[in-house]
C-alpha atoms as a PDB file:
ATOM      1  CA  UNK A   1      14.923  10.025  20.730  1.00  0.00           C
ATOM      2  CA  UNK A   2      13.920   8.339  17.089  1.00  0.00           C
ATOM      3  CA  UNK A   3      10.457   9.436  16.219  1.00  0.00           C
ATOM      4  CA  UNK A   4       8.349   6.813  14.435  1.00  0.00           C
ATOM      5  CA  UNK A   5       7.007   7.191  10.674  1.00  0.00           C
ATOM      6  CA  UNK A   6       5.330   4.343  10.402  1.00  0.00           C
ATOM      7  CA  UNK A   7       1.488   4.144  10.385  1.00  0.00           C
ATOM      8  CA  UNK A   8      -0.342   5.813  13.137  1.00  0.00           C
ATOM      9  CA  UNK A   9      -3.800   4.190  12.148  1.00  0.00           C
ATOM     10  CA  UNK A  10      -5.428   0.864  10.243  1.00  0.00           C
ATOM     11  CA  UNK A  11      -5.796   2.641   6.894  1.00  0.00           C
ATOM     12  CA  UNK A  12      -7.355  -0.731   5.440  1.00  0.00           C
ATOM     13  CA  UNK A  13     -11.093   0.856   5.793  1.00  0.00           C
ATOM     14  CA  UNK A  14      -9.806   3.806   3.666  1.00  0.00           C
ATOM     15  CA  UNK A  15      -8.149   1.393   0.900  1.00  0.00           C
ATOM     16  CA  UNK A  16     -11.466  -0.913   0.806  1.00  0.00           C
ATOM     17  CA  UNK A  17     -13.629   2.527   0.649  1.00  0.00           C
ATOM     18  CA  UNK A  18     -11.133   3.925  -2.068  1.00  0.00           C
ATOM     19  CA  UNK A  19     -10.989   1.013  -3.925  1.00  0.00           C
ATOM     20  CA  UNK A  20     -15.236   0.667  -3.640  1.00  0.00           C
ATOM     21  CA  UNK A  21     -14.971   4.498  -5.215  1.00  0.00           C
ATOM     22  CA  UNK A  22     -12.523   2.847  -7.776  1.00  0.00           C
ATOM     23  CA  UNK A  23      -9.911   5.623  -6.526  1.00  0.00           C
ATOM     24  CA  UNK A  24      -7.579   3.179  -8.073  1.00  0.00           C
ATOM     25  CA  UNK A  25      -4.708   2.941 -10.664  1.00  0.00           C
ATOM     26  CA  UNK A  26      -4.558  -0.032 -13.061  1.00  0.00           C
ATOM     27  CA  UNK A  27      -2.375  -2.257 -11.099  1.00  0.00           C
ATOM     28  CA  UNK A  28      -5.382  -1.510  -8.225  1.00  0.00           C
ATOM     29  CA  UNK A  29      -3.037   0.237  -5.796  1.00  0.00           C
ATOM     30  CA  UNK A  30      -4.780   3.245  -4.442  1.00  0.00           C
ATOM     31  CA  UNK A  31      -4.579   6.429  -6.545  1.00  0.00           C
ATOM     32  CA  UNK A  32      -3.747   9.265  -4.387  1.00  0.00           C
ATOM     33  CA  UNK A  33      -4.351  11.916  -6.768  1.00  0.00           C
ATOM     34  CA  UNK A  34      -7.974  10.530  -6.896  1.00  0.00           C
ATOM     35  CA  UNK A  35      -8.302  10.513  -3.050  1.00  0.00           C
ATOM     36  CA  UNK A  36      -6.690  14.347  -3.079  1.00  0.00           C
ATOM     37  CA  UNK A  37      -9.609  15.403  -5.879  1.00  0.00           C
ATOM     38  CA  UNK A  38     -12.394  13.550  -3.907  1.00  0.00           C
ATOM     39  CA  UNK A  39     -11.648  14.800  -0.279  1.00  0.00           C
ATOM     40  CA  UNK A  40     -10.340  18.080  -1.599  1.00  0.00           C
ATOM     41  CA  UNK A  41      -6.781  18.197  -0.015  1.00  0.00           C
ATOM     42  CA  UNK A  42      -3.630  18.256  -1.848  1.00  0.00           C
ATOM     43  CA  UNK A  43      -1.841  15.681  -3.613  1.00  0.00           C
ATOM     44  CA  UNK A  44       1.031  15.047  -0.475  1.00  0.00           C
ATOM     45  CA  UNK A  45      -1.877  15.266   2.410  1.00  0.00           C
ATOM     46  CA  UNK A  46      -3.451  12.127   0.252  1.00  0.00           C
ATOM     47  CA  UNK A  47      -0.548  10.315  -0.262  1.00  0.00           C
ATOM     48  CA  UNK A  48       0.286  10.547   3.336  1.00  0.00           C
ATOM     49  CA  UNK A  49      -2.764   9.651   4.154  1.00  0.00           C
ATOM     50  CA  UNK A  50      -3.015   6.203   1.890  1.00  0.00           C
ATOM     51  CA  UNK A  51       0.477   5.309   2.880  1.00  0.00           C
ATOM     52  CA  UNK A  52      -0.490   5.707   6.381  1.00  0.00           C
ATOM     53  CA  UNK A  53       2.117   8.400   7.542  1.00  0.00           C
ATOM     54  CA  UNK A  54       0.909  10.125  10.851  1.00  0.00           C
ATOM     55  CA  UNK A  55      -2.281  10.807  11.460  1.00  0.00           C
ATOM     56  CA  UNK A  56      -4.475  12.910   9.278  1.00  0.00           C
ATOM     57  CA  UNK A  57      -5.714  16.252  10.886  1.00  0.00           C
ATOM     58  CA  UNK A  58      -9.397  16.427  12.084  1.00  0.00           C
ATOM     59  CA  UNK A  59     -10.261  18.541   9.216  1.00  0.00           C
ATOM     60  CA  UNK A  60      -8.904  15.787   6.358  1.00  0.00           C
ATOM     61  CA  UNK A  61     -10.366  12.809   8.366  1.00  0.00           C
ATOM     62  CA  UNK A  62     -13.806  14.496   8.375  1.00  0.00           C
ATOM     63  CA  UNK A  63     -13.540  14.808   4.969  1.00  0.00           C
ATOM     64  CA  UNK A  64     -12.825  11.200   4.333  1.00  0.00           C
ATOM     65  CA  UNK A  65     -15.701  10.333   6.318  1.00  0.00           C
ATOM     66  CA  UNK A  66     -18.345  12.651   3.943  1.00  0.00           C
ATOM     67  CA  UNK A  67     -16.294  11.055   0.538  1.00  0.00           C
ATOM     68  CA  UNK A  68     -16.054   7.486   1.422  1.00  0.00           C
ATOM     69  CA  UNK A  69     -17.908   6.897   4.643  1.00  0.00           C
ATOM     70  CA  UNK A  70     -15.158   5.853   6.595  1.00  0.00           C
ATOM     71  CA  UNK A  71     -15.614   6.943  10.211  1.00  0.00           C
ATOM     72  CA  UNK A  72     -13.365   9.737  11.139  1.00  0.00           C
ATOM     73  CA  UNK A  73     -12.830   8.044  14.475  1.00  0.00           C
ATOM     74  CA  UNK A  74     -10.824   5.163  12.526  1.00  0.00           C
ATOM     75  CA  UNK A  75      -8.249   7.223  11.152  1.00  0.00           C
ATOM     76  CA  UNK A  76      -7.682   9.820  13.919  1.00  0.00           C
ATOM     77  CA  UNK A  77      -7.469   7.079  16.543  1.00  0.00           C
ATOM     78  CA  UNK A  78      -4.056   5.335  16.891  1.00  0.00           C
ATOM     79  CA  UNK A  79      -3.142   1.761  17.040  1.00  0.00           C
ATOM     80  CA  UNK A  80      -2.713   0.134  20.590  1.00  0.00           C
ATOM     81  CA  UNK A  81       1.189  -0.406  21.139  1.00  0.00           C
ATOM     82  CA  UNK A  82       2.460  -3.068  19.483  1.00  0.00           C
ATOM     83  CA  UNK A  83      -0.483  -3.553  17.335  1.00  0.00           C
ATOM     84  CA  UNK A  84       0.305  -4.682  13.475  1.00  0.00           C
ATOM     85  CA  UNK A  85       0.722  -2.110  11.113  1.00  0.00           C
END
């Protein structure tokens, strides 16, 4: 059985919130290290969150909600089968 590592949630809200907070690199992409500092997680956890790999833990989703205002339910609820990633 092949395990999918593709995006499990719609990360657009997170990306918009991170951009609004200024957590971007010079090229406009999201700076996962800045996200890590803002939400208080390790850089690898933040990179996975920004890249949409897997789903964040409830604790990480709650930290994102506190830091960026993105509802934790938007991060822990998987997309329906066949939904665009």
